[in-house]
């Protein structure tokens, strides 16, 4: 396993990583995300309503 550089606090990375595992998504695609609070909210939104699209990492690169 290599070193993973993330752009968010470790606490938030842990939350997003767990949520991605629940949704069977690859959490590594979200490592460079800066707007992690909105990403977490949108992941939860997708979990509750599958009509809501899976968040695209490119949409969360800016705060």
PDB file of N, CA and C in Angstrom:
ATOM      1  N   UNK A   1       0.851  -1.181   0.000  1.00  0.00           N
ATOM      2  CA  UNK A   1       0.000   0.000   0.000  1.00  0.00           C
ATOM      3  C   UNK A   1       0.892   1.238   0.000  1.00  0.00           C
ATOM      4  N   UNK A   2       0.577   2.191  -0.865  1.00  0.00           N
ATOM      5  CA  UNK A   2       1.358   3.411  -0.969  1.00  0.00           C
ATOM      6  C   UNK A   2       0.843   4.502  -0.049  1.00  0.00           C
ATOM      7  N   UNK A   3       1.481   5.645  -0.129  1.00  0.00           N
ATOM      8  CA  UNK A   3       1.073   6.802   0.664  1.00  0.00           C
ATOM      9  C   UNK A   3      -0.050   7.515  -0.074  1.00  0.00           C
ATOM     10  N   UNK A   4      -1.075   7.887   0.667  1.00  0.00           N
ATOM     11  CA  UNK A   4      -2.229   8.567   0.095  1.00  0.00           C
ATOM     12  C   UNK A   4      -2.235  10.009   0.591  1.00  0.00           C
ATOM     13  N   UNK A   5      -2.138  10.975  -0.323  1.00  0.00           N
ATOM     14  CA  UNK A   5      -2.168  12.387   0.047  1.00  0.00           C
ATOM     15  C   UNK A   5      -3.612  12.866  -0.040  1.00  0.00           C
ATOM     16  N   UNK A   6      -4.121  13.391   1.062  1.00  0.00           N
ATOM     17  CA  UNK A   6      -5.493  13.890   1.080  1.00  0.00           C
ATOM     18  C   UNK A   6      -5.488  15.390   1.352  1.00  0.00           C
ATOM     19  N   UNK A   7      -6.512  16.071   0.876  1.00  0.00           N
ATOM     20  CA  UNK A   7      -6.610  17.529   0.987  1.00  0.00           C
ATOM     21  C   UNK A   7      -7.618  17.955   2.049  1.00  0.00           C
ATOM     22  N   UNK A   8      -7.858  17.105   3.050  1.00  0.00           N
ATOM     23  CA  UNK A   8      -8.847  17.425   4.077  1.00  0.00           C
ATOM     24  C   UNK A   8      -8.367  16.882   5.410  1.00  0.00           C
ATOM     25  N   UNK A   9      -8.935  17.349   6.515  1.00  0.00           N
ATOM     26  CA  UNK A   9      -8.568  16.798   7.820  1.00  0.00           C
ATOM     27  C   UNK A   9      -8.866  15.299   7.890  1.00  0.00           C
ATOM     28  N   UNK A  10      -8.066  14.597   8.653  1.00  0.00           N
ATOM     29  CA  UNK A  10      -8.190  13.147   8.759  1.00  0.00           C
ATOM     30  C   UNK A  10      -9.568  12.732   9.273  1.00  0.00           C
ATOM     31  N   UNK A  11     -10.137  13.509  10.176  1.00  0.00           N
ATOM     32  CA  UNK A  11     -11.477  13.200  10.705  1.00  0.00           C
ATOM     33  C   UNK A  11     -12.512  13.159   9.573  1.00  0.00           C
ATOM     34  N   UNK A  12     -12.453  14.142   8.683  1.00  0.00           N
ATOM     35  CA  UNK A  12     -13.398  14.181   7.559  1.00  0.00           C
ATOM     36  C   UNK A  12     -13.114  13.069   6.569  1.00  0.00           C
ATOM     37  N   UNK A  13     -11.828  12.769   6.342  1.00  0.00           N
ATOM     38  CA  UNK A  13     -11.482  11.683   5.422  1.00  0.00           C
ATOM     39  C   UNK A  13     -12.053  10.358   5.936  1.00  0.00           C
ATOM     40  N   UNK A  14     -11.979  10.152   7.243  1.00  0.00           N
ATOM     41  CA  UNK A  14     -12.520   8.926   7.836  1.00  0.00           C
ATOM     42  C   UNK A  14     -14.020   8.833   7.591  1.00  0.00           C
ATOM     43  N   UNK A  15     -14.731   9.931   7.800  1.00  0.00           N
ATOM     44  CA  UNK A  15     -16.183   9.944   7.566  1.00  0.00           C
ATOM     45  C   UNK A  15     -16.524   9.657   6.104  1.00  0.00           C
ATOM     46  N   UNK A  16     -15.844  10.328   5.197  1.00  0.00           N
ATOM     47  CA  UNK A  16     -16.114  10.153   3.770  1.00  0.00           C
ATOM     48  C   UNK A  16     -15.733   8.747   3.320  1.00  0.00           C
ATOM     49  N   UNK A  17     -14.626   8.241   3.837  1.00  0.00           N
ATOM     50  CA  UNK A  17     -14.192   6.887   3.503  1.00  0.00           C
ATOM     51  C   UNK A  17     -15.243   5.862   3.931  1.00  0.00           C
ATOM     52  N   UNK A  18     -15.759   6.001   5.138  1.00  0.00           N
ATOM     53  CA  UNK A  18     -16.797   5.078   5.631  1.00  0.00           C
ATOM     54  C   UNK A  18     -18.070   5.185   4.795  1.00  0.00           C
ATOM     55  N   UNK A  19     -18.461   6.410   4.468  1.00  0.00           N
ATOM     56  CA  UNK A  19     -19.676   6.609   3.666  1.00  0.00           C
ATOM     57  C   UNK A  19     -19.507   5.998   2.275  1.00  0.00           C
ATOM     58  N   UNK A  20     -18.328   6.154   1.678  1.00  0.00           N
ATOM     59  CA  UNK A  20     -18.072   5.562   0.361  1.00  0.00           C
ATOM     60  C   UNK A  20     -18.147   4.040   0.425  1.00  0.00           C
ATOM     61  N   UNK A  21     -17.634   3.460   1.489  1.00  0.00           N
ATOM     62  CA  UNK A  21     -17.703   2.003   1.634  1.00  0.00           C
ATOM     63  C   UNK A  21     -19.148   1.540   1.746  1.00  0.00           C
ATOM     64  N   UNK A  22     -19.979   2.302   2.468  1.00  0.00           N
ATOM     65  CA  UNK A  22     -21.404   1.964   2.577  1.00  0.00           C
ATOM     66  C   UNK A  22     -22.082   2.006   1.208  1.00  0.00           C
ATOM     67  N   UNK A  23     -21.622   2.910   0.341  1.00  0.00           N
ATOM     68  CA  UNK A  23     -22.235   3.099  -0.976  1.00  0.00           C
ATOM     69  C   UNK A  23     -21.522   2.322  -2.085  1.00  0.00           C
ATOM     70  N   UNK A  24     -20.513   1.540  -1.723  1.00  0.00           N
ATOM     71  CA  UNK A  24     -19.704   0.790  -2.697  1.00  0.00           C
ATOM     72  C   UNK A  24     -19.061   1.708  -3.736  1.00  0.00           C
ATOM     73  N   UNK A  25     -18.535   2.842  -3.266  1.00  0.00           N
ATOM     74  CA  UNK A  25     -17.821   3.789  -4.127  1.00  0.00           C
ATOM     75  C   UNK A  25     -16.333   3.749  -3.792  1.00  0.00           C
ATOM     76  N   UNK A  26     -15.503   4.175  -4.722  1.00  0.00           N
ATOM     77  CA  UNK A  26     -14.065   4.240  -4.493  1.00  0.00           C
ATOM     78  C   UNK A  26     -13.735   5.547  -3.770  1.00  0.00           C
ATOM     79  N   UNK A  27     -13.344   5.498  -2.492  1.00  0.00           N
ATOM     80  CA  UNK A  27     -13.069   6.733  -1.755  1.00  0.00           C
ATOM     81  C   UNK A  27     -11.835   7.480  -2.258  1.00  0.00           C
ATOM     82  N   UNK A  28     -10.911   6.784  -2.908  1.00  0.00           N
ATOM     83  CA  UNK A  28      -9.686   7.436  -3.372  1.00  0.00           C
ATOM     84  C   UNK A  28      -9.947   8.479  -4.455  1.00  0.00           C
ATOM     85  N   UNK A  29     -11.098   8.413  -5.101  1.00  0.00           N
ATOM     86  CA  UNK A  29     -11.413   9.428  -6.113  1.00  0.00           C
ATOM     87  C   UNK A  29     -11.717  10.784  -5.466  1.00  0.00           C
ATOM     88  N   UNK A  30     -11.917  10.804  -4.154  1.00  0.00           N
ATOM     89  CA  UNK A  30     -12.250  12.043  -3.443  1.00  0.00           C
ATOM     90  C   UNK A  30     -11.083  12.601  -2.620  1.00  0.00           C
ATOM     91  N   UNK A  31      -9.856  12.132  -2.840  1.00  0.00           N
ATOM     92  CA  UNK A  31      -8.727  12.563  -2.012  1.00  0.00           C
ATOM     93  C   UNK A  31      -8.377  14.038  -2.174  1.00  0.00           C
ATOM     94  N   UNK A  32      -8.603  14.632  -3.335  1.00  0.00           N
ATOM     95  CA  UNK A  32      -8.212  16.022  -3.572  1.00  0.00           C
ATOM     96  C   UNK A  32      -9.345  17.013  -3.336  1.00  0.00           C
ATOM     97  N   UNK A  33     -10.443  16.546  -2.803  1.00  0.00           N
ATOM     98  CA  UNK A  33     -11.613  17.390  -2.553  1.00  0.00           C
ATOM     99  C   UNK A  33     -11.307  18.419  -1.470  1.00  0.00           C
ATOM    100  N   UNK A  34     -11.717  19.661  -1.704  1.00  0.00           N
ATOM    101  CA  UNK A  34     -11.539  20.720  -0.708  1.00  0.00           C
ATOM    102  C   UNK A  34     -12.850  21.045   0.013  1.00  0.00           C
ATOM    103  N   UNK A  35     -13.964  20.910  -0.660  1.00  0.00           N
ATOM    104  CA  UNK A  35     -15.272  21.193  -0.062  1.00  0.00           C
ATOM    105  C   UNK A  35     -15.859  19.885   0.487  1.00  0.00           C
ATOM    106  N   UNK A  36     -15.182  19.338   1.498  1.00  0.00           N
ATOM    107  CA  UNK A  36     -15.517  18.012   2.015  1.00  0.00           C
ATOM    108  C   UNK A  36     -16.821  17.977   2.790  1.00  0.00           C
ATOM    109  N   UNK A  37     -17.225  19.063   3.406  1.00  0.00           N
ATOM    110  CA  UNK A  37     -18.505  19.092   4.117  1.00  0.00           C
ATOM    111  C   UNK A  37     -19.677  18.920   3.162  1.00  0.00           C
ATOM    112  N   UNK A  38     -19.633  19.640   2.055  1.00  0.00           N
ATOM    113  CA  UNK A  38     -20.678  19.526   1.027  1.00  0.00           C
ATOM    114  C   UNK A  38     -20.659  18.136   0.398  1.00  0.00           C
ATOM    115  N   UNK A  39     -19.468  17.595   0.171  1.00  0.00           N
ATOM    116  CA  UNK A  39     -19.356  16.246  -0.387  1.00  0.00           C
ATOM    117  C   UNK A  39     -20.018  15.232   0.537  1.00  0.00           C
ATOM    118  N   UNK A  40     -19.736  15.321   1.829  1.00  0.00           N
ATOM    119  CA  UNK A  40     -20.330  14.379   2.782  1.00  0.00           C
ATOM    120  C   UNK A  40     -21.856  14.503   2.773  1.00  0.00           C
ATOM    121  N   UNK A  41     -22.345  15.738   2.755  1.00  0.00           N
ATOM    122  CA  UNK A  41     -23.784  15.978   2.701  1.00  0.00           C
ATOM    123  C   UNK A  41     -24.391  15.349   1.447  1.00  0.00           C
ATOM    124  N   UNK A  42     -23.735  15.537   0.304  1.00  0.00           N
ATOM    125  CA  UNK A  42     -24.252  14.994  -0.953  1.00  0.00           C
ATOM    126  C   UNK A  42     -24.155  13.472  -1.014  1.00  0.00           C
ATOM    127  N   UNK A  43     -23.135  12.891  -0.386  1.00  0.00           N
ATOM    128  CA  UNK A  43     -23.057  11.428  -0.310  1.00  0.00           C
ATOM    129  C   UNK A  43     -24.224  10.877   0.507  1.00  0.00           C
ATOM    130  N   UNK A  44     -24.536  11.559   1.612  1.00  0.00           N
ATOM    131  CA  UNK A  44     -25.686  11.140   2.420  1.00  0.00           C
ATOM    132  C   UNK A  44     -26.980  11.294   1.634  1.00  0.00           C
ATOM    133  N   UNK A  45     -27.085  12.381   0.904  1.00  0.00           N
ATOM    134  CA  UNK A  45     -28.277  12.631   0.097  1.00  0.00           C
ATOM    135  C   UNK A  45     -28.465  11.515  -0.931  1.00  0.00           C
ATOM    136  N   UNK A  46     -27.363  11.095  -1.564  1.00  0.00           N
ATOM    137  CA  UNK A  46     -27.422   9.993  -2.533  1.00  0.00           C
ATOM    138  C   UNK A  46     -27.814   8.685  -1.837  1.00  0.00           C
ATOM    139  N   UNK A  47     -27.334   8.490  -0.621  1.00  0.00           N
ATOM    140  CA  UNK A  47     -27.650   7.261   0.107  1.00  0.00           C
ATOM    141  C   UNK A  47     -29.144   7.168   0.417  1.00  0.00           C
ATOM    142  N   UNK A  48     -29.753   8.287   0.755  1.00  0.00           N
ATOM    143  CA  UNK A  48     -31.172   8.290   1.106  1.00  0.00           C
ATOM    144  C   UNK A  48     -32.085   8.329  -0.113  1.00  0.00           C
ATOM    145  N   UNK A  49     -31.604   8.923  -1.192  1.00  0.00           N
ATOM    146  CA  UNK A  49     -32.413   9.046  -2.407  1.00  0.00           C
ATOM    147  C   UNK A  49     -31.528   8.748  -3.612  1.00  0.00           C
ATOM    148  N   UNK A  50     -31.613   7.554  -4.134  1.00  0.00           N
ATOM    149  CA  UNK A  50     -30.739   7.111  -5.229  1.00  0.00           C
ATOM    150  C   UNK A  50     -30.972   7.883  -6.523  1.00  0.00           C
ATOM    151  N   UNK A  51     -32.045   8.659  -6.593  1.00  0.00           N
ATOM    152  CA  UNK A  51     -32.248   9.501  -7.780  1.00  0.00           C
ATOM    153  C   UNK A  51     -31.249  10.650  -7.814  1.00  0.00           C
ATOM    154  N   UNK A  52     -30.734  11.021  -6.641  1.00  0.00           N
ATOM    155  CA  UNK A  52     -29.707  12.058  -6.568  1.00  0.00           C
ATOM    156  C   UNK A  52     -28.405  11.456  -7.099  1.00  0.00           C
ATOM    157  N   UNK A  53     -27.727  12.127  -8.047  1.00  0.00           N
ATOM    158  CA  UNK A  53     -26.548  11.523  -8.681  1.00  0.00           C
ATOM    159  C   UNK A  53     -25.374  11.330  -7.717  1.00  0.00           C
ATOM    160  N   UNK A  54     -24.535  10.367  -8.053  1.00  0.00           N
ATOM    161  CA  UNK A  54     -23.303  10.151  -7.288  1.00  0.00           C
ATOM    162  C   UNK A  54     -22.438  11.393  -7.465  1.00  0.00           C
ATOM    163  N   UNK A  55     -21.931  11.963  -6.370  1.00  0.00           N
ATOM    164  CA  UNK A  55     -21.132  13.182  -6.470  1.00  0.00           C
ATOM    165  C   UNK A  55     -19.873  12.998  -7.325  1.00  0.00           C
ATOM    166  N   UNK A  56     -19.646  13.959  -8.206  1.00  0.00           N
ATOM    167  CA  UNK A  56     -18.455  13.973  -9.054  1.00  0.00           C
ATOM    168  C   UNK A  56     -17.353  14.728  -8.307  1.00  0.00           C
ATOM    169  N   UNK A  57     -16.184  14.120  -8.099  1.00  0.00           N
ATOM    170  CA  UNK A  57     -15.111  14.779  -7.344  1.00  0.00           C
ATOM    171  C   UNK A  57     -14.734  16.155  -7.894  1.00  0.00           C
ATOM    172  N   UNK A  58     -14.847  16.360  -9.193  1.00  0.00           N
ATOM    173  CA  UNK A  58     -14.477  17.647  -9.798  1.00  0.00           C
ATOM    174  C   UNK A  58     -15.353  18.789  -9.290  1.00  0.00           C
ATOM    175  N   UNK A  59     -16.556  18.475  -8.819  1.00  0.00           N
ATOM    176  CA  UNK A  59     -17.472  19.509  -8.341  1.00  0.00           C
ATOM    177  C   UNK A  59     -17.122  20.013  -6.941  1.00  0.00           C
ATOM    178  N   UNK A  60     -16.134  19.397  -6.287  1.00  0.00           N
ATOM    179  CA  UNK A  60     -15.819  19.734  -4.896  1.00  0.00           C
ATOM    180  C   UNK A  60     -14.369  20.169  -4.723  1.00  0.00           C
ATOM    181  N   UNK A  61     -13.732  20.602  -5.792  1.00  0.00           N
ATOM    182  CA  UNK A  61     -12.333  21.014  -5.715  1.00  0.00           C
ATOM    183  C   UNK A  61     -12.167  22.432  -5.184  1.00  0.00           C
ATOM    184  N   UNK A  62     -13.226  23.235  -5.240  1.00  0.00           N
ATOM    185  CA  UNK A  62     -13.167  24.607  -4.723  1.00  0.00           C
ATOM    186  C   UNK A  62     -14.136  24.747  -3.567  1.00  0.00           C
ATOM    187  N   UNK A  63     -13.776  25.614  -2.642  1.00  0.00           N
ATOM    188  CA  UNK A  63     -14.654  25.854  -1.487  1.00  0.00           C
ATOM    189  C   UNK A  63     -15.686  26.887  -1.837  1.00  0.00           C
TER     190      UNK A  63
END
